[in-house]
């Protein structure tokens, strides 16, 4: 079974990550994997890239999202005539109804408090909603889950690769090709992001642990090539995954060294890890920090104690895990 014709369409974004790749798959269906950002430039460039292949936006039969982030899912409304496929966990970010936004705001207020943020930083809570402003609103037509066949493209299937987001998926072919979204990027490490749970009384996800599992799942497939959301295609997948997991472990052990002889909060660790950018990118840097702390707790390297609903205190040493 040969792979269908795949065109990489590169779209500029206003985000720090730079350009994003969308992928046009031409088989029994004309499929666009990811859409790029909801900007005038994004629409213009994507339309031009499609024209280079002889297509117009209305020729797209279906859009498949690897995940909901605005650089990948911003233009879902632009393709209103196409069926939209995504993981169920992505839909709440695409619809953003009142119930989800209330959960979103409640969760991040609690998350910031548990991270030990001083009161003056709570004004940054609104920034957690900024990425949502760069997206259209669209209901998912068909949910995709582990093992699903890719409609219109025989020999392709879906694997769940959560971690970078709770709804992240990748597309795998029998020929060993993977369209991987932000699962594995050649020139930078992908960042597992903290997201709200699926209900107020539910525990939050542990994205660093999920992401590591997803990398191991990818590596176990021994893919020939990964087409990423950013940067160059990845051919030495197993080697790169091994390197990324090793560096993540080393990073976590460095975090452990920062709290070796004291009790501290996630915010204090975050300031030490990212002294120059934590104020400007608090959501990203706290996600990275808490992800490393989650990893250390899971592996019995540190303990955490919830101080009566206030800040969570971390200290080195094994003990009862949260």
Protein backbone atom coordinates (compact mmCIF):
# COMPACT_ATOMS: atom_id res chain seq x y z
CA UNK A 1 0.00 0.00 0.00
CA UNK A 2 1.58 3.29 -1.11
CA UNK A 3 1.03 6.50 0.80
CA UNK A 4 -1.30 9.03 -0.84
CA UNK A 5 0.13 12.19 -2.32
CA UNK A 6 1.08 14.44 0.62
CA UNK A 7 1.83 18.14 0.19
CA UNK A 8 3.38 20.14 3.02
CA UNK A 9 1.80 23.60 3.14
CA UNK A 10 3.77 26.00 5.34
CA UNK A 11 1.85 28.88 6.90
CA UNK A 12 3.25 31.87 8.87
CA UNK A 13 1.96 32.40 12.41
CA UNK A 14 2.12 35.35 14.81
CA UNK A 15 3.36 33.03 17.55
CA UNK A 16 6.88 32.54 18.90
CA UNK A 17 7.04 29.02 17.47
CA UNK A 18 7.15 30.46 13.95
CA UNK A 19 5.73 28.85 10.81
CA UNK A 20 3.37 25.88 11.05
CA UNK A 21 3.01 23.02 8.59
CA UNK A 22 -0.37 21.81 7.42
CA UNK A 23 -0.58 18.71 5.25
CA UNK A 24 -2.72 18.14 2.19
CA UNK A 25 -3.49 14.45 1.59
CA UNK A 26 -4.95 13.50 -1.78
CA UNK A 27 -6.46 10.03 -1.88
CA UNK A 28 -10.09 8.91 -2.10
CA UNK A 29 -10.77 12.08 -0.12
CA UNK A 30 -9.05 15.47 -0.21
CA UNK A 31 -7.93 16.01 3.36
CA UNK A 32 -6.24 18.92 5.11
CA UNK A 33 -4.44 17.99 8.31
CA UNK A 34 -4.45 21.11 10.52
CA UNK A 35 -5.38 24.56 9.23
CA UNK A 36 -2.94 27.16 10.49
CA UNK A 37 -3.81 30.28 12.51
CA UNK A 38 -6.90 32.44 12.21
CA UNK A 39 -5.17 35.47 10.73
CA UNK A 40 -5.65 37.35 7.46
CA UNK A 41 -2.13 36.34 6.44
CA UNK A 42 -2.82 32.73 7.35
CA UNK A 43 -5.91 32.61 5.12
CA UNK A 44 -4.12 34.32 2.26
CA UNK A 45 -1.04 32.10 2.36
CA UNK A 46 -2.99 28.87 2.83
CA UNK A 47 -5.26 29.75 -0.10
CA UNK A 48 -2.17 30.47 -2.22
CA UNK A 49 -0.52 27.19 -1.20
CA UNK A 50 -3.67 25.26 -2.10
CA UNK A 51 -3.81 27.04 -5.46
CA UNK A 52 -0.28 25.81 -6.20
CA UNK A 53 -1.66 22.26 -5.99
CA UNK A 54 -4.60 23.13 -8.23
CA UNK A 55 -7.13 23.33 -5.40
CA UNK A 56 -9.33 25.93 -3.72
CA UNK A 57 -10.44 25.94 -0.05
CA UNK A 58 -13.88 24.66 -1.08
CA UNK A 59 -12.26 21.59 -2.66
CA UNK A 60 -11.27 20.25 0.77
CA UNK A 61 -13.52 17.32 1.74
CA UNK A 62 -12.38 16.99 5.34
CA UNK A 63 -10.17 18.68 7.91
CA UNK A 64 -8.37 16.59 10.51
CA UNK A 65 -6.89 18.27 13.58
CA UNK A 66 -3.87 16.82 15.31
CA UNK A 67 -4.77 19.07 18.25
CA UNK A 68 -6.66 22.22 19.15
CA UNK A 69 -3.89 24.83 19.56
CA UNK A 70 -4.50 28.03 17.55
CA UNK A 71 -1.51 27.62 15.23
CA UNK A 72 -2.97 24.27 14.15
CA UNK A 73 -6.73 24.74 14.51
CA UNK A 74 -7.33 28.45 13.99
CA UNK A 75 -9.03 28.27 10.60
CA UNK A 76 -11.61 25.53 11.16
CA UNK A 77 -14.44 27.96 10.33
CA UNK A 78 -12.71 28.94 7.09
CA UNK A 79 -13.31 25.40 5.86
CA UNK A 80 -16.99 25.42 6.83
CA UNK A 81 -17.93 23.17 3.92
CA UNK A 82 -15.56 20.39 4.98
CA UNK A 83 -16.23 17.74 7.61
CA UNK A 84 -14.17 18.27 10.75
CA UNK A 85 -12.43 15.32 12.42
CA UNK A 86 -10.68 15.58 15.80
CA UNK A 87 -10.30 13.83 19.13
CA UNK A 88 -13.25 14.39 21.45
CA UNK A 89 -10.99 16.08 24.02
CA UNK A 90 -10.24 18.87 21.53
CA UNK A 91 -13.85 19.88 21.00
CA UNK A 92 -14.33 21.80 24.24
CA UNK A 93 -11.56 24.20 23.18
CA UNK A 94 -13.15 24.60 19.75
CA UNK A 95 -16.66 25.31 21.08
CA UNK A 96 -15.74 27.20 24.26
CA UNK A 97 -19.24 27.19 25.73
CA UNK A 98 -20.03 28.83 29.07
CA UNK A 99 -19.68 25.59 31.00
CA UNK A 100 -16.16 24.99 29.72
CA UNK A 101 -15.06 28.60 30.13
CA UNK A 102 -16.25 28.58 33.75
CA UNK A 103 -14.28 25.38 34.34
CA UNK A 104 -11.29 26.90 32.52
CA UNK A 105 -11.23 30.02 34.70
CA UNK A 106 -11.86 28.12 37.93
CA UNK A 107 -9.14 25.59 37.18
CA UNK A 108 -6.41 28.09 36.37
CA UNK A 109 -7.26 30.24 39.41
CA UNK A 110 -6.81 27.14 41.59
CA UNK A 111 -3.74 26.03 39.65
CA UNK A 112 -2.04 29.40 40.14
CA UNK A 113 -2.91 29.36 43.85
CA UNK A 114 -1.56 25.83 44.30
CA UNK A 115 1.60 26.82 42.42
CA UNK A 116 2.19 29.48 45.07
CA UNK A 117 1.76 32.59 42.94
CA UNK A 118 1.71 35.82 44.95
CA UNK A 119 -1.49 37.84 44.64
CA UNK A 120 0.03 40.40 42.26
CA UNK A 121 0.51 37.71 39.61
CA UNK A 122 -3.15 36.70 39.61
CA UNK A 123 -3.87 39.47 37.10
CA UNK A 124 -2.12 37.25 34.57
CA UNK A 125 -5.02 34.79 34.76
CA UNK A 126 -6.72 36.46 31.82
CA UNK A 127 -3.67 35.71 29.68
CA UNK A 128 -4.49 32.02 29.91
CA UNK A 129 -7.42 32.76 27.58
CA UNK A 130 -5.35 34.62 24.98
CA UNK A 131 -4.68 31.55 22.78
CA UNK A 132 -8.43 30.89 22.60
CA UNK A 133 -9.00 34.29 21.00
CA UNK A 134 -7.00 33.25 17.93
CA UNK A 135 -9.44 30.47 16.99
CA UNK A 136 -12.78 30.17 15.31
CA UNK A 137 -15.65 28.21 16.87
CA UNK A 138 -16.62 24.94 15.26
CA UNK A 139 -18.27 21.71 16.32
CA UNK A 140 -16.45 18.49 15.51
CA UNK A 141 -18.37 16.36 12.99
CA UNK A 142 -16.58 13.08 13.70
CA UNK A 143 -14.49 12.06 16.71
CA UNK A 144 -11.25 10.17 16.11
CA UNK A 145 -9.80 7.76 18.64
CA UNK A 146 -7.08 5.12 18.96
CA UNK A 147 -7.02 2.68 16.06
CA UNK A 148 -9.58 4.42 13.85
CA UNK A 149 -9.05 4.10 10.12
CA UNK A 150 -8.52 7.44 8.39
CA UNK A 151 -11.55 8.06 6.15
CA UNK A 152 -10.62 8.33 2.50
CA UNK A 153 -7.05 7.10 2.99
CA UNK A 154 -6.70 3.33 3.08
CA UNK A 155 -3.75 2.10 5.12
CA UNK A 156 -3.75 5.08 7.50
CA UNK A 157 -4.90 4.97 11.11
CA UNK A 158 -5.12 7.17 14.18
CA UNK A 159 -3.03 6.84 17.33
CA UNK A 160 -3.68 8.87 20.47
CA UNK A 161 -0.58 10.82 21.44
CA UNK A 162 -1.73 12.93 24.38
CA UNK A 163 0.58 15.12 26.42
CA UNK A 164 1.22 18.24 24.37
CA UNK A 165 -2.54 18.50 24.57
CA UNK A 166 -5.24 16.20 25.94
CA UNK A 167 -6.68 15.69 22.47
CA UNK A 168 -3.46 15.26 20.50
CA UNK A 169 -3.51 12.55 17.83
CA UNK A 170 -1.09 11.42 15.14
CA UNK A 171 -1.75 9.73 11.81
CA UNK A 172 0.21 6.60 10.94
CA UNK A 173 0.50 4.78 7.61
CA UNK A 174 1.30 1.15 6.86
CA UNK A 175 4.31 2.44 4.93
CA UNK A 176 5.84 3.91 8.10
CA UNK A 177 4.95 7.57 7.64
CA UNK A 178 3.56 9.62 10.53
CA UNK A 179 1.88 13.02 10.46
CA UNK A 180 2.71 13.93 14.01
CA UNK A 181 1.51 17.44 14.82
CA UNK A 182 3.61 18.63 17.75
CA UNK A 183 4.47 15.17 19.07
CA UNK A 184 8.07 15.18 17.86
CA UNK A 185 9.81 18.26 16.47
CA UNK A 186 13.35 17.98 15.21
CA UNK A 187 14.85 21.30 16.37
CA UNK A 188 13.01 21.90 19.65
CA UNK A 189 11.39 19.90 22.43
CA UNK A 190 7.62 19.93 22.41
CA UNK A 191 6.10 21.25 25.63
CA UNK A 192 3.43 19.24 27.49
CA UNK A 193 0.85 21.80 28.57
CA UNK A 194 -1.31 21.82 31.68
CA UNK A 195 -5.01 21.80 30.76
CA UNK A 196 -8.18 21.78 32.83
CA UNK A 197 -9.58 18.39 33.85
CA UNK A 198 -12.89 17.16 32.46
CA UNK A 199 -14.88 18.24 35.49
CA UNK A 200 -14.41 20.44 38.55
CA UNK A 201 -14.02 17.49 40.93
CA UNK A 202 -11.73 15.49 38.65
CA UNK A 203 -7.93 15.42 39.02
CA UNK A 204 -5.95 17.40 36.48
CA UNK A 205 -4.11 15.48 33.77
CA UNK A 206 -0.38 14.79 34.13
CA UNK A 207 0.83 15.88 30.67
CA UNK A 208 4.56 15.24 31.09
CA UNK A 209 3.91 11.60 31.96
CA UNK A 210 1.40 11.30 29.11
CA UNK A 211 3.82 12.90 26.69
CA UNK A 212 6.61 10.48 27.62
CA UNK A 213 4.21 7.58 27.06
CA UNK A 214 3.28 9.01 23.67
CA UNK A 215 6.93 9.33 22.65
CA UNK A 216 7.52 5.72 23.64
CA UNK A 217 4.44 4.66 21.66
CA UNK A 218 5.78 6.48 18.59
CA UNK A 219 9.23 4.95 18.99
CA UNK A 220 7.78 1.44 19.29
CA UNK A 221 6.32 1.79 15.79
CA UNK A 222 9.79 2.38 14.30
CA UNK A 223 8.41 4.86 11.78
CA UNK A 224 10.30 5.66 8.61
CA UNK A 225 9.57 9.38 8.82
CA UNK A 226 7.60 11.85 10.94
CA UNK A 227 6.11 14.91 9.27
CA UNK A 228 5.93 17.45 12.13
CA UNK A 229 3.92 20.59 12.71
CA UNK A 230 7.08 22.68 12.75
CA UNK A 231 10.54 22.33 11.26
CA UNK A 232 12.11 19.60 9.15
CA UNK A 233 10.82 16.02 8.80
CA UNK A 234 12.30 13.56 11.31
CA UNK A 235 13.85 10.36 9.97
CA UNK A 236 15.90 9.05 12.93
CA UNK A 237 12.82 8.81 15.13
CA UNK A 238 13.90 6.17 17.66
CA UNK A 239 17.21 7.92 18.25
CA UNK A 240 15.61 11.34 18.70
CA UNK A 241 12.95 10.00 21.08
CA UNK A 242 15.62 8.33 23.19
CA UNK A 243 17.57 11.59 23.31
CA UNK A 244 14.50 13.65 24.23
CA UNK A 245 13.53 11.33 27.07
CA UNK A 246 17.10 11.34 28.38
CA UNK A 247 17.24 15.14 28.35
CA UNK A 248 13.86 15.40 30.03
CA UNK A 249 15.03 13.09 32.83
CA UNK A 250 18.20 15.15 33.25
CA UNK A 251 16.11 18.32 33.39
CA UNK A 252 13.90 16.78 36.06
CA UNK A 253 16.88 15.77 38.16
CA UNK A 254 18.17 19.33 37.91
CA UNK A 255 14.80 20.47 39.24
CA UNK A 256 15.21 18.02 42.11
CA UNK A 257 18.60 19.57 42.91
CA UNK A 258 16.92 22.97 43.26
CA UNK A 259 14.75 21.71 46.11
CA UNK A 260 17.20 19.24 47.65
CA UNK A 261 17.56 21.03 50.97
CA UNK A 262 14.38 23.05 51.25
CA UNK A 263 10.63 23.06 50.88
CA UNK A 264 9.37 25.16 48.00
CA UNK A 265 6.50 25.90 45.62
CA UNK A 266 6.21 25.35 41.88
CA UNK A 267 6.35 29.11 41.34
CA UNK A 268 9.68 29.42 43.16
CA UNK A 269 11.10 26.59 41.05
CA UNK A 270 9.70 28.21 37.91
CA UNK A 271 11.50 31.47 38.67
CA UNK A 272 14.77 29.60 39.02
CA UNK A 273 14.28 27.66 35.78
CA UNK A 274 13.07 30.61 33.72
CA UNK A 275 14.33 33.80 35.38
CA UNK A 276 14.11 35.90 32.23
CA UNK A 277 10.78 34.83 30.75
CA UNK A 278 8.48 33.53 33.48
CA UNK A 279 6.58 36.83 33.73
CA UNK A 280 5.94 37.03 29.98
CA UNK A 281 5.15 33.33 29.48
CA UNK A 282 3.79 32.25 32.83
CA UNK A 283 1.46 29.58 31.46
CA UNK A 284 4.17 27.87 29.41
CA UNK A 285 6.86 28.08 32.07
CA UNK A 286 4.58 26.86 34.87
CA UNK A 287 3.44 23.95 32.69
CA UNK A 288 7.06 22.97 32.11
CA UNK A 289 7.88 23.30 35.81
CA UNK A 290 4.88 21.41 37.14
CA UNK A 291 5.40 18.74 34.48
CA UNK A 292 8.90 18.09 35.79
CA UNK A 293 7.62 18.04 39.37
CA UNK A 294 4.90 15.55 38.40
CA UNK A 295 7.56 13.34 36.83
CA UNK A 296 9.70 13.47 39.97
CA UNK A 297 6.73 12.62 42.20
CA UNK A 298 5.76 9.70 39.97
CA UNK A 299 9.30 8.33 40.19
CA UNK A 300 9.49 8.74 43.96
CA UNK A 301 12.19 11.42 43.87
CA UNK A 302 10.19 14.13 45.65
CA UNK A 303 7.01 14.49 47.67
CA UNK A 304 4.26 17.07 47.62
CA UNK A 305 1.86 18.22 50.30
CA UNK A 306 -1.30 20.25 49.77
CA UNK A 307 -1.29 22.90 52.49
CA UNK A 308 -5.02 23.06 53.28
CA UNK A 309 -6.04 24.07 49.77
CA UNK A 310 -3.33 26.68 49.46
CA UNK A 311 0.08 26.30 47.82
CA UNK A 312 1.44 22.80 47.24
CA UNK A 313 4.80 22.36 48.93
CA UNK A 314 7.45 20.18 47.31
CA UNK A 315 10.51 18.65 48.91
CA UNK A 316 13.10 16.07 47.91
CA UNK A 317 12.78 12.51 49.21
CA UNK A 318 10.40 9.61 48.78
CA UNK A 319 7.13 9.40 50.58
CA UNK A 320 3.40 9.52 50.00
CA UNK A 321 2.56 10.76 46.53
CA UNK A 322 -0.36 13.06 45.82
